[in-house]
Amino acid sequence: LTPNGRPESFDVEYILQLEIGGKIPNFMVAPIVSESVKNMFKHAKDVFGGRDGEIDDYIAELKAKQAQEVKLEATASTAVEDVMRNEMPRQLVRTS
């Protein structure tokens, strides 16, 4: 996983290194490489692509945290407004 500069975002990089020495023909090696790459993408899709993988858990946790912050901000804002409504008439009565 590599951060890509955007908040809460990253890139996933897989590296496949396969060395087959000797005089093995390319037509025999190609299916092995092809199958390995297919399996890597299948694994990446399961983990990062919506099958209740780690990323889905992280995103759900992040959304819950953001919802809680919004709720706290709304509660704090309402409390401040209530205090201001209650204090303003008292200040007007004291100054008159």
Protein backbone atom coordinates (compact mmCIF):
# COMPACT_ATOMS: atom_id res chain seq x y z
CA LEU A 1 0.00 0.00 0.00
CA THR A 2 1.33 3.41 -0.97
CA PRO A 3 -0.20 6.80 -0.10
CA ASN A 4 -0.92 8.71 -3.30
CA GLY A 5 -1.15 12.24 -1.91
CA ARG A 6 -4.93 12.47 -1.63
CA PRO A 7 -6.42 12.26 1.85
CA GLU A 8 -7.64 8.80 2.87
CA SER A 9 -6.45 7.34 -0.43
CA PHE A 10 -3.67 5.01 -1.51
CA ASP A 11 -2.46 2.85 -4.35
CA VAL A 12 -1.90 -0.89 -4.23
CA GLU A 13 1.15 -2.26 -5.95
CA TYR A 14 1.84 -5.90 -6.61
CA ILE A 15 5.16 -7.13 -7.88
CA LEU A 16 5.48 -10.50 -9.53
CA GLN A 17 8.99 -11.79 -10.02
CA LEU A 18 9.32 -15.05 -11.85
CA GLU A 19 12.51 -16.37 -13.32
CA ILE A 20 12.59 -19.56 -15.28
CA GLY A 21 16.02 -20.46 -16.43
CA GLY A 22 17.21 -22.88 -19.00
CA LYS A 23 15.75 -23.55 -22.38
CA ILE A 24 12.10 -23.74 -21.42
CA PRO A 25 10.02 -22.47 -24.35
CA ASN A 26 7.92 -19.34 -23.93
CA PHE A 27 4.65 -21.18 -24.68
CA MET A 28 5.22 -23.28 -21.54
CA VAL A 29 6.03 -20.31 -19.30
CA ALA A 30 3.24 -17.98 -20.49
CA PRO A 31 0.36 -19.92 -18.83
CA ILE A 32 2.17 -19.87 -15.47
CA VAL A 33 2.68 -16.11 -15.62
CA SER A 34 -0.85 -15.55 -16.89
CA GLU A 35 -2.42 -17.66 -14.14
CA SER A 36 -0.29 -15.97 -11.46
CA VAL A 37 -1.37 -12.50 -12.59
CA LYS A 38 -5.03 -13.57 -12.75
CA ASN A 39 -4.85 -14.92 -9.21
CA MET A 40 -3.21 -11.73 -7.95
CA PHE A 41 -6.01 -9.61 -9.42
CA LYS A 42 -8.61 -11.98 -8.00
CA HIS A 43 -7.02 -11.67 -4.55
CA ALA A 44 -6.82 -7.88 -4.85
CA LYS A 45 -10.47 -7.71 -5.85
CA ASP A 46 -11.49 -9.79 -2.82
CA VAL A 47 -9.42 -7.77 -0.37
CA PHE A 48 -9.82 -4.27 -1.80
CA GLY A 49 -12.84 -4.45 -4.03
CA GLY A 50 -16.02 -4.92 -2.10
CA ARG A 51 -16.25 -8.46 -0.78
CA ASP A 52 -16.19 -7.43 2.87
CA GLY A 53 -12.45 -6.94 2.65
CA GLU A 54 -10.16 -4.91 4.85
CA ILE A 55 -10.78 -1.72 2.91
CA ASP A 56 -14.55 -2.02 3.32
CA ASP A 57 -14.10 -2.35 7.08
CA TYR A 58 -11.81 0.69 7.12
CA ILE A 59 -14.24 2.79 5.05
CA ALA A 60 -17.19 1.78 7.26
CA GLU A 61 -15.20 2.71 10.37
CA LEU A 62 -14.19 6.04 8.82
CA LYS A 63 -17.79 6.87 7.86
CA ALA A 64 -19.01 6.01 11.37
CA LYS A 65 -16.34 8.27 12.88
CA GLN A 66 -17.30 11.13 10.52
CA ALA A 67 -21.00 10.67 11.34
CA GLN A 68 -20.18 10.82 15.05
CA GLU A 69 -18.15 14.03 14.54
CA VAL A 70 -21.02 15.63 12.60
CA LYS A 71 -23.45 14.63 15.35
CA LEU A 72 -21.17 16.12 18.03
CA GLU A 73 -20.76 19.34 16.03
CA ALA A 74 -24.52 19.65 15.62
CA THR A 75 -25.07 19.05 19.35
CA ALA A 76 -22.43 21.63 20.27
CA SER A 77 -23.90 24.16 17.86
CA THR A 78 -27.39 23.65 19.28
CA ALA A 79 -26.07 24.05 22.84
CA VAL A 80 -24.34 27.32 21.94
CA GLU A 81 -27.50 28.63 20.27
CA ASP A 82 -29.56 27.73 23.38
CA VAL A 83 -27.13 29.55 25.65
CA MET A 84 -27.15 32.60 23.38
CA ARG A 85 -30.97 32.66 23.32
CA ASN A 86 -31.14 32.44 27.11
CA GLU A 87 -28.39 34.98 27.80
CA MET A 88 -29.43 37.68 25.32
CA PRO A 89 -32.75 38.58 27.05
CA ARG A 90 -31.00 38.68 30.46
CA GLN A 91 -28.35 41.06 29.14
CA LEU A 92 -31.03 43.29 27.64
CA VAL A 93 -32.94 43.36 30.95
CA ARG A 94 -29.78 44.26 32.91
CA THR A 95 -28.83 47.13 30.63
CA SER A 96 -32.28 48.79 30.65
